[in-house]
C-alpha atoms as a PDB file:
ATOM      1  CA  MET A   1      -0.799  -1.757  10.293  1.00  0.00           C
ATOM      2  CA  PHE A   2      -0.845  -3.393   6.840  1.00  0.00           C
ATOM      3  CA  VAL A   3      -2.280  -1.172   4.092  1.00  0.00           C
ATOM      4  CA  HIS A   4      -3.288  -2.695   0.687  1.00  0.00           C
ATOM      5  CA  GLY A   5      -2.905  -1.308  -2.826  1.00  0.00           C
ATOM      6  CA  TRP A   6      -5.157  -0.087  -5.661  1.00  0.00           C
ATOM      7  CA  THR A   7      -8.285  -2.215  -6.083  1.00  0.00           C
ATOM      8  CA  CYS A   8      -7.073  -4.680  -3.451  1.00  0.00           C
ATOM      9  CA  ASN A   9      -8.227  -5.374   0.154  1.00  0.00           C
ATOM     10  CA  GLU A  10      -6.897  -6.418   3.403  1.00  0.00           C
ATOM     11  CA  THR A  11      -6.577 -10.143   2.389  1.00  0.00           C
ATOM     12  CA  SER A  12      -3.404  -8.992   0.436  1.00  0.00           C
ATOM     13  CA  TRP A  13      -1.637  -9.627   3.747  1.00  0.00           C
ATOM     14  CA  SER A  14      -2.877 -13.204   4.362  1.00  0.00           C
ATOM     15  CA  SER A  15       0.803 -14.461   4.466  1.00  0.00           C
ATOM     16  CA  GLN A  16       1.805 -11.890   6.998  1.00  0.00           C
ATOM     17  CA  VAL A  17      -0.922 -11.648   9.588  1.00  0.00           C
ATOM     18  CA  PRO A  18      -0.459 -15.137  11.060  1.00  0.00           C
ATOM     19  CA  VAL A  19       3.237 -14.612  11.408  1.00  0.00           C
ATOM     20  CA  PHE A  20       3.385 -11.160  12.867  1.00  0.00           C
ATOM     21  CA  GLU A  21       0.444 -11.426  15.264  1.00  0.00           C
ATOM     22  CA  ASN A  22       2.541 -13.799  17.370  1.00  0.00           C
ATOM     23  CA  ASN A  23       4.747 -10.760  18.407  1.00  0.00           C
ATOM     24  CA  TYR A  24       2.787  -7.660  17.481  1.00  0.00           C
ATOM     25  CA  ARG A  25      -0.647  -6.200  17.608  1.00  0.00           C
ATOM     26  CA  VAL A  26      -1.466  -6.475  13.942  1.00  0.00           C
ATOM     27  CA  ILE A  27      -4.127  -4.346  12.176  1.00  0.00           C
ATOM     28  CA  THR A  28      -5.295  -4.679   8.550  1.00  0.00           C
ATOM     29  CA  ILE A  29      -7.652  -2.186   6.940  1.00  0.00           C
ATOM     30  CA  ASP A  30      -9.896  -2.036   3.965  1.00  0.00           C
ATOM     31  CA  LEU A  31      -9.462   1.511   2.612  1.00  0.00           C
ATOM     32  CA  PRO A  32     -12.652   3.520   1.702  1.00  0.00           C
ATOM     33  CA  GLY A  33     -14.206   2.059  -1.425  1.00  0.00           C
ATOM     34  CA  HIS A  34     -12.208  -1.157  -1.131  1.00  0.00           C
ATOM     35  CA  GLY A  35     -13.151  -4.569   0.344  1.00  0.00           C
ATOM     36  CA  LYS A  36     -15.824  -4.265   2.912  1.00  0.00           C
ATOM     37  CA  SER A  37     -15.467  -0.522   3.423  1.00  0.00           C
ATOM     38  CA  GLU A  38     -17.995   1.846   1.959  1.00  0.00           C
ATOM     39  CA  PHE A  39     -17.273   4.821  -0.345  1.00  0.00           C
ATOM     40  CA  LEU A  40     -17.198   8.339   0.927  1.00  0.00           C
ATOM     41  CA  LYS A  41     -20.657   9.840   1.398  1.00  0.00           C
ATOM     42  CA  SER A  42     -19.570  13.008  -0.327  1.00  0.00           C
ATOM     43  CA  GLY A  43     -16.854  13.543  -2.908  1.00  0.00           C
ATOM     44  CA  THR A  44     -14.486  11.098  -4.555  1.00  0.00           C
ATOM     45  CA  LEU A  45     -11.685   9.063  -2.913  1.00  0.00           C
ATOM     46  CA  THR A  46      -8.493  10.956  -2.032  1.00  0.00           C
ATOM     47  CA  MET A  47      -5.264  10.304  -0.379  1.00  0.00           C
ATOM     48  CA  ASP A  48      -6.302  12.457   2.541  1.00  0.00           C
ATOM     49  CA  ALA A  49      -9.485  10.246   2.888  1.00  0.00           C
ATOM     50  CA  PHE A  50      -7.373   7.170   3.005  1.00  0.00           C
ATOM     51  CA  ALA A  51      -4.990   8.776   5.644  1.00  0.00           C
ATOM     52  CA  ARG A  52      -7.967   9.799   7.728  1.00  0.00           C
ATOM     53  CA  ALA A  53      -9.396   6.264   7.624  1.00  0.00           C
ATOM     54  CA  ILE A  54      -6.064   4.958   8.953  1.00  0.00           C
ATOM     55  CA  GLU A  55      -6.046   7.561  11.718  1.00  0.00           C
ATOM     56  CA  ALA A  56      -9.648   6.637  12.699  1.00  0.00           C
ATOM     57  CA  VAL A  57      -8.673   3.034  13.051  1.00  0.00           C
ATOM     58  CA  ARG A  58      -5.528   3.886  14.981  1.00  0.00           C
ATOM     59  CA  ALA A  59      -7.475   6.044  17.422  1.00  0.00           C
ATOM     60  CA  GLU A  60     -10.167   3.380  17.835  1.00  0.00           C
ATOM     61  CA  MET A  61      -7.562   0.817  18.639  1.00  0.00           C
ATOM     62  CA  LYS A  62      -5.939   3.218  21.028  1.00  0.00           C
ATOM     63  CA  ALA A  63      -2.439   2.654  19.519  1.00  0.00           C
ATOM     64  CA  ASP A  64       0.089   5.451  20.334  1.00  0.00           C
ATOM     65  CA  LYS A  65       2.342   4.908  17.411  1.00  0.00           C
ATOM     66  CA  ILE A  66       2.125   2.472  14.477  1.00  0.00           C
ATOM     67  CA  ALA A  67       4.529   0.961  11.981  1.00  0.00           C
ATOM     68  CA  LEU A  68       2.842   1.267   8.520  1.00  0.00           C
ATOM     69  CA  VAL A  69       3.391  -1.260   5.768  1.00  0.00           C
ATOM     70  CA  GLY A  70       1.869  -0.240   2.451  1.00  0.00           C
ATOM     71  CA  HIS A  71       1.849  -2.144  -0.805  1.00  0.00           C
ATOM     72  CA  SER A  72       1.772  -0.485  -4.234  1.00  0.00           C
ATOM     73  CA  MET A  73      -0.691   2.406  -3.930  1.00  0.00           C
ATOM     74  CA  GLY A  74      -0.568   1.705  -0.207  1.00  0.00           C
ATOM     75  CA  ALA A  75       2.954   3.130  -0.193  1.00  0.00           C
ATOM     76  CA  ALA A  76       1.643   6.546  -1.231  1.00  0.00           C
ATOM     77  CA  VAL A  77      -1.175   6.114   1.343  1.00  0.00           C
ATOM     78  CA  ILE A  78       1.177   5.557   4.226  1.00  0.00           C
ATOM     79  CA  TRP A  79       3.339   8.468   3.069  1.00  0.00           C
ATOM     80  CA  GLN A  80       0.234  10.692   3.155  1.00  0.00           C
ATOM     81  CA  TYR A  81      -0.479   9.452   6.616  1.00  0.00           C
ATOM     82  CA  ALA A  82       3.072  10.306   7.725  1.00  0.00           C
ATOM     83  CA  VAL A  83       2.675  13.807   6.324  1.00  0.00           C
ATOM     84  CA  ARG A  84      -0.561  14.365   8.168  1.00  0.00           C
ATOM     85  CA  TYR A  85       0.151  12.562  11.393  1.00  0.00           C
ATOM     86  CA  PRO A  86       4.003  12.240  11.759  1.00  0.00           C
ATOM     87  CA  GLN A  87       3.674  12.048  15.555  1.00  0.00           C
ATOM     88  CA  ARG A  88       1.796   8.717  15.184  1.00  0.00           C
ATOM     89  CA  VAL A  89       4.444   7.029  12.951  1.00  0.00           C
ATOM     90  CA  ALA A  90       6.948   4.593  14.409  1.00  0.00           C
ATOM     91  CA  ALA A  91       8.138   3.356  10.943  1.00  0.00           C
ATOM     92  CA  LEU A  92       7.250   3.242   7.309  1.00  0.00           C
ATOM     93  CA  VAL A  93       7.597   0.230   5.027  1.00  0.00           C
ATOM     94  CA  PRO A  94       6.666   0.796   1.356  1.00  0.00           C
ATOM     95  CA  VAL A  95       6.317  -2.440  -0.528  1.00  0.00           C
ATOM     96  CA  ASP A  96       6.936  -2.250  -4.311  1.00  0.00           C
ATOM     97  CA  GLY A  97       5.269   1.141  -4.466  1.00  0.00           C
ATOM     98  CA  GLN A  98       6.230   4.812  -4.789  1.00  0.00           C
ATOM     99  CA  LEU A  99       5.856   6.983  -1.747  1.00  0.00           C
ATOM    100  CA  VAL A 100       4.875  10.089  -3.648  1.00  0.00           C
ATOM    101  CA  LEU A 101       2.766   9.778  -6.786  1.00  0.00           C
ATOM    102  CA  GLY A 102       1.063  12.397  -8.974  1.00  0.00           C
ATOM    103  CA  ALA A 103       2.060  15.540 -10.837  1.00  0.00           C
ATOM    104  CA  GLY A 104       0.028  18.072  -8.883  1.00  0.00           C
ATOM    105  CA  PRO A 105      -3.182  19.829  -9.730  1.00  0.00           C
ATOM    106  CA  GLY A 106      -4.933  18.562 -12.798  1.00  0.00           C
ATOM    107  CA  GLY A 107      -3.402  15.111 -12.532  1.00  0.00           C
ATOM    108  CA  GLY A 108      -5.720  12.248 -13.222  1.00  0.00           C
ATOM    109  CA  GLY A 109      -3.395   9.508 -14.205  1.00  0.00           C
ATOM    110  CA  ASN A 110      -5.108   6.774 -16.029  1.00  0.00           C
ATOM    111  CA  ALA A 111      -8.507   7.078 -14.365  1.00  0.00           C
ATOM    112  CA  ASP A 112     -10.333   7.471 -17.718  1.00  0.00           C
ATOM    113  CA  LEU A 113      -8.893   4.240 -19.023  1.00  0.00           C
ATOM    114  CA  MET A 114     -10.671   2.404 -16.147  1.00  0.00           C
ATOM    115  CA  LYS A 115     -14.164   3.099 -17.440  1.00  0.00           C
ATOM    116  CA  GLY A 116     -16.431   0.877 -19.455  1.00  0.00           C
ATOM    117  CA  GLU A 117     -15.387  -2.118 -21.603  1.00  0.00           C
ATOM    118  CA  GLN A 118     -11.952  -0.462 -22.138  1.00  0.00           C
ATOM    119  CA  GLY A 119     -11.612  -0.276 -18.389  1.00  0.00           C
ATOM    120  CA  VAL A 120     -12.138  -4.072 -18.021  1.00  0.00           C
ATOM    121  CA  GLN A 121      -9.430  -4.766 -20.616  1.00  0.00           C
ATOM    122  CA  THR A 122      -7.025  -2.196 -19.124  1.00  0.00           C
ATOM    123  CA  ARG A 123      -7.360  -3.659 -15.670  1.00  0.00           C
ATOM    124  CA  GLU A 124      -6.948  -7.121 -16.993  1.00  0.00           C
ATOM    125  CA  ARG A 125      -3.721  -6.212 -18.718  1.00  0.00           C
ATOM    126  CA  MET A 126      -2.369  -4.395 -15.643  1.00  0.00           C
ATOM    127  CA  VAL A 127      -3.207  -7.324 -13.258  1.00  0.00           C
ATOM    128  CA  SER A 128      -1.747  -9.881 -15.642  1.00  0.00           C
ATOM    129  CA  GLY A 129       1.562  -7.976 -15.658  1.00  0.00           C
ATOM    130  CA  MET A 130       1.617  -7.793 -11.872  1.00  0.00           C
ATOM    131  CA  ILE A 131       1.285 -11.453 -11.378  1.00  0.00           C
ATOM    132  CA  ALA A 132       3.213 -13.003 -14.303  1.00  0.00           C
ATOM    133  CA  THR A 133       5.673 -14.736 -12.070  1.00  0.00           C
ATOM    134  CA  ALA A 134       3.182 -15.820  -9.413  1.00  0.00           C
ATOM    135  CA  THR A 135       1.861 -19.346  -8.739  1.00  0.00           C
ATOM    136  CA  PRO A 136      -1.576 -20.250 -10.125  1.00  0.00           C
ATOM    137  CA  GLU A 137      -2.993 -20.018  -6.569  1.00  0.00           C
ATOM    138  CA  ILE A 138      -1.713 -16.504  -6.072  1.00  0.00           C
ATOM    139  CA  GLN A 139      -2.790 -15.433  -9.572  1.00  0.00           C
ATOM    140  CA  GLN A 140      -6.323 -16.680  -8.857  1.00  0.00           C
ATOM    141  CA  LYS A 141      -6.387 -14.830  -5.475  1.00  0.00           C
ATOM    142  CA  VAL A 142      -5.193 -11.500  -6.974  1.00  0.00           C
ATOM    143  CA  ARG A 143      -7.461 -11.716 -10.000  1.00  0.00           C
ATOM    144  CA  LYS A 144     -10.542 -12.253  -7.809  1.00  0.00           C
ATOM    145  CA  MET A 145      -9.535  -9.439  -5.476  1.00  0.00           C
ATOM    146  CA  MET A 146      -8.757  -6.897  -8.161  1.00  0.00           C
ATOM    147  CA  LEU A 147     -10.984  -7.831 -11.102  1.00  0.00           C
ATOM    148  CA  VAL A 148     -14.055  -9.473  -9.500  1.00  0.00           C
ATOM    149  CA  ASP A 149     -14.379  -8.001  -6.004  1.00  0.00           C
ATOM    150  CA  ALA A 150     -13.309  -4.458  -6.839  1.00  0.00           C
ATOM    151  CA  SER A 151     -15.773  -2.298  -8.718  1.00  0.00           C
ATOM    152  CA  GLU A 152     -15.128   0.020 -11.666  1.00  0.00           C
ATOM    153  CA  ARG A 153     -15.896   2.905  -9.347  1.00  0.00           C
ATOM    154  CA  THR A 154     -13.106   1.805  -7.037  1.00  0.00           C
ATOM    155  CA  ALA A 155     -10.675   1.581  -9.966  1.00  0.00           C
ATOM    156  CA  VAL A 156     -11.587   5.042 -11.227  1.00  0.00           C
ATOM    157  CA  GLU A 157     -11.667   6.894  -7.926  1.00  0.00           C
ATOM    158  CA  ALA A 158      -8.588   5.223  -6.533  1.00  0.00           C
ATOM    159  CA  SER A 159      -6.674   6.144  -9.720  1.00  0.00           C
ATOM    160  CA  LEU A 160      -7.837   9.748  -9.277  1.00  0.00           C
ATOM    161  CA  ALA A 161      -6.627   9.654  -5.646  1.00  0.00           C
ATOM    162  CA  MET A 162      -3.204   8.263  -6.629  1.00  0.00           C
ATOM    163  CA  TRP A 163      -2.498  10.821  -9.286  1.00  0.00           C
ATOM    164  CA  GLY A 164      -3.970  13.919  -7.600  1.00  0.00           C
ATOM    165  CA  PRO A 165      -2.054  16.655  -5.792  1.00  0.00           C
ATOM    166  CA  LYS A 166       0.323  15.521  -3.013  1.00  0.00           C
ATOM    167  CA  ASP A 167       2.385  17.085  -0.181  1.00  0.00           C
ATOM    168  CA  THR A 168       6.019  16.085   0.016  1.00  0.00           C
ATOM    169  CA  GLY A 169       6.313  16.565   3.700  1.00  0.00           C
ATOM    170  CA  GLY A 170       9.317  15.769   5.890  1.00  0.00           C
ATOM    171  CA  PRO A 171      12.063  15.426   6.672  1.00  0.00           C
ATOM    172  CA  PHE A 172      11.226  12.637   9.147  1.00  0.00           C
ATOM    173  CA  ASP A 173      13.413  10.979  11.640  1.00  0.00           C
ATOM    174  CA  PHE A 174      11.565   7.677  11.913  1.00  0.00           C
ATOM    175  CA  PRO A 175      13.129   4.601  10.285  1.00  0.00           C
ATOM    176  CA  ALA A 176      11.935   3.289   6.907  1.00  0.00           C
ATOM    177  CA  LEU A 177      12.530   0.228   4.845  1.00  0.00           C
ATOM    178  CA  GLY A 178      11.567  -0.188   1.208  1.00  0.00           C
ATOM    179  CA  ILE A 179      10.991  -3.824   0.056  1.00  0.00           C
ATOM    180  CA  TYR A 180      10.799  -4.173  -3.725  1.00  0.00           C
ATOM    181  CA  ALA A 181      10.718  -6.832  -6.314  1.00  0.00           C
ATOM    182  CA  GLY A 182      13.992  -7.278  -8.155  1.00  0.00           C
ATOM    183  CA  GLN A 183      17.541  -6.373  -7.314  1.00  0.00           C
ATOM    184  CA  ARG A 184      17.377  -2.994  -5.387  1.00  0.00           C
ATOM    185  CA  SER A 185      19.500  -1.079  -2.877  1.00  0.00           C
ATOM    186  CA  GLY A 186      19.957   2.473  -1.711  1.00  0.00           C
ATOM    187  CA  THR A 187      17.672   4.856   0.147  1.00  0.00           C
ATOM    188  CA  LEU A 188      14.006   5.897  -0.304  1.00  0.00           C
ATOM    189  CA  ALA A 189      13.907   9.657  -0.336  1.00  0.00           C
ATOM    190  CA  PRO A 190      15.713  12.773   0.967  1.00  0.00           C
ATOM    191  CA  GLN A 191      12.820  13.258   3.419  1.00  0.00           C
ATOM    192  CA  LEU A 192      13.679   9.875   5.043  1.00  0.00           C
ATOM    193  CA  PRO A 193      17.395   9.950   5.942  1.00  0.00           C
ATOM    194  CA  ASN A 194      17.015   6.923   8.224  1.00  0.00           C
ATOM    195  CA  SER A 195      15.899   4.585   5.425  1.00  0.00           C
ATOM    196  CA  LYS A 196      17.182   1.830   3.189  1.00  0.00           C
ATOM    197  CA  VAL A 197      15.855  -0.166   0.211  1.00  0.00           C
ATOM    198  CA  VAL A 198      16.178  -3.969  -0.263  1.00  0.00           C
ATOM    199  CA  GLY A 199      15.141  -6.134  -3.106  1.00  0.00           C
ATOM    200  CA  ILE A 200      13.777  -9.572  -3.549  1.00  0.00           C
ATOM    201  CA  GLU A 201      14.694 -11.203  -6.813  1.00  0.00           C
ATOM    202  CA  GLY A 202      12.426 -13.576  -8.707  1.00  0.00           C
ATOM    203  CA  SER A 203       9.234 -11.931  -7.653  1.00  0.00           C
ATOM    204  CA  GLY A 204       6.504  -9.914  -9.289  1.00  0.00           C
ATOM    205  CA  HIS A 205       4.550  -7.037  -7.854  1.00  0.00           C
ATOM    206  CA  PHE A 206       2.912  -8.962  -4.974  1.00  0.00           C
ATOM    207  CA  VAL A 207       6.298  -9.696  -3.366  1.00  0.00           C
ATOM    208  CA  MET A 208       4.691 -10.307   0.031  1.00  0.00           C
ATOM    209  CA  LEU A 209       2.731 -13.158  -1.370  1.00  0.00           C
ATOM    210  CA  GLU A 210       5.117 -14.571  -3.922  1.00  0.00           C
ATOM    211  CA  LYS A 211       8.216 -14.551  -1.545  1.00  0.00           C
ATOM    212  CA  ALA A 212       6.377 -14.549   1.758  1.00  0.00           C
ATOM    213  CA  GLU A 213       9.081 -16.164   3.919  1.00  0.00           C
ATOM    214  CA  GLN A 214      11.823 -13.858   2.626  1.00  0.00           C
ATOM    215  CA  PHE A 215       9.596 -10.902   2.909  1.00  0.00           C
ATOM    216  CA  ASN A 216       8.601 -11.844   6.473  1.00  0.00           C
ATOM    217  CA  ASN A 217      12.173 -12.326   7.550  1.00  0.00           C
ATOM    218  CA  MET A 218      13.221  -8.930   6.135  1.00  0.00           C
ATOM    219  CA  LEU A 219      10.268  -7.230   7.865  1.00  0.00           C
ATOM    220  CA  THR A 220      10.889  -9.066  11.135  1.00  0.00           C
ATOM    221  CA  ASP A 221      14.505  -7.955  11.260  1.00  0.00           C
ATOM    222  CA  PHE A 222      13.503  -4.370  10.517  1.00  0.00           C
ATOM    223  CA  LEU A 223      10.806  -4.192  13.113  1.00  0.00           C
ATOM    224  CA  SER A 224      13.057  -5.635  15.772  1.00  0.00           C
ATOM    225  CA  GLY A 225      14.816  -2.215  15.851  1.00  0.00           C
ATOM    226  CA  VAL A 226      11.771  -0.025  15.695  1.00  0.00           C
ATOM    227  CA  LYS A 227      10.761   1.835  18.855  1.00  0.00           C
ATOM    228  CA  PHE A 228       6.975   2.128  19.341  1.00  0.00           C
END
């Protein structure tokens, strides 16, 4: 299952789905408040809500265990899923994102900066930084997804979700692979002893789009050793 990041949607994985559906059952998801998914009927977006959305899709698709690939905020989302439903996780793959975000109760991150005209400018600066090395085609795709298709409400509530209280969880024995932009190596976290980190140089934040072939090869090699 591919899980997108903050103010993105399932089309973030357009360079992966056609490749991996040849050998796997591939699921993409629009998290609540993103893409074609509605907001919660009560309350604001939370990491738990995102995790429950993933679990609802998994149950509907009748998948026993899933390998979760999460980009940016999606890395924290798949970690929250693992904390809540570890028995359903075959593997975790965070993509240029932190597994655990937030400073505990009272955290709000930059949610207030996402409101009004200031919010438009803040989001524009953030997105521009994310895609500085991308091709014009990718830049256009990401700008539309994050600045046109995503609402201010999505930006605010998802920011609150990212920087709210979190559970660390673990340790977990399933394998994990972190794929990041730039030169990286090492392990992900003490809670994931069976993990490693690899880097892809010459890429910006949307590494799965900018360096799709290299990314897909790394993910293919990793998944070949995962037991579902």
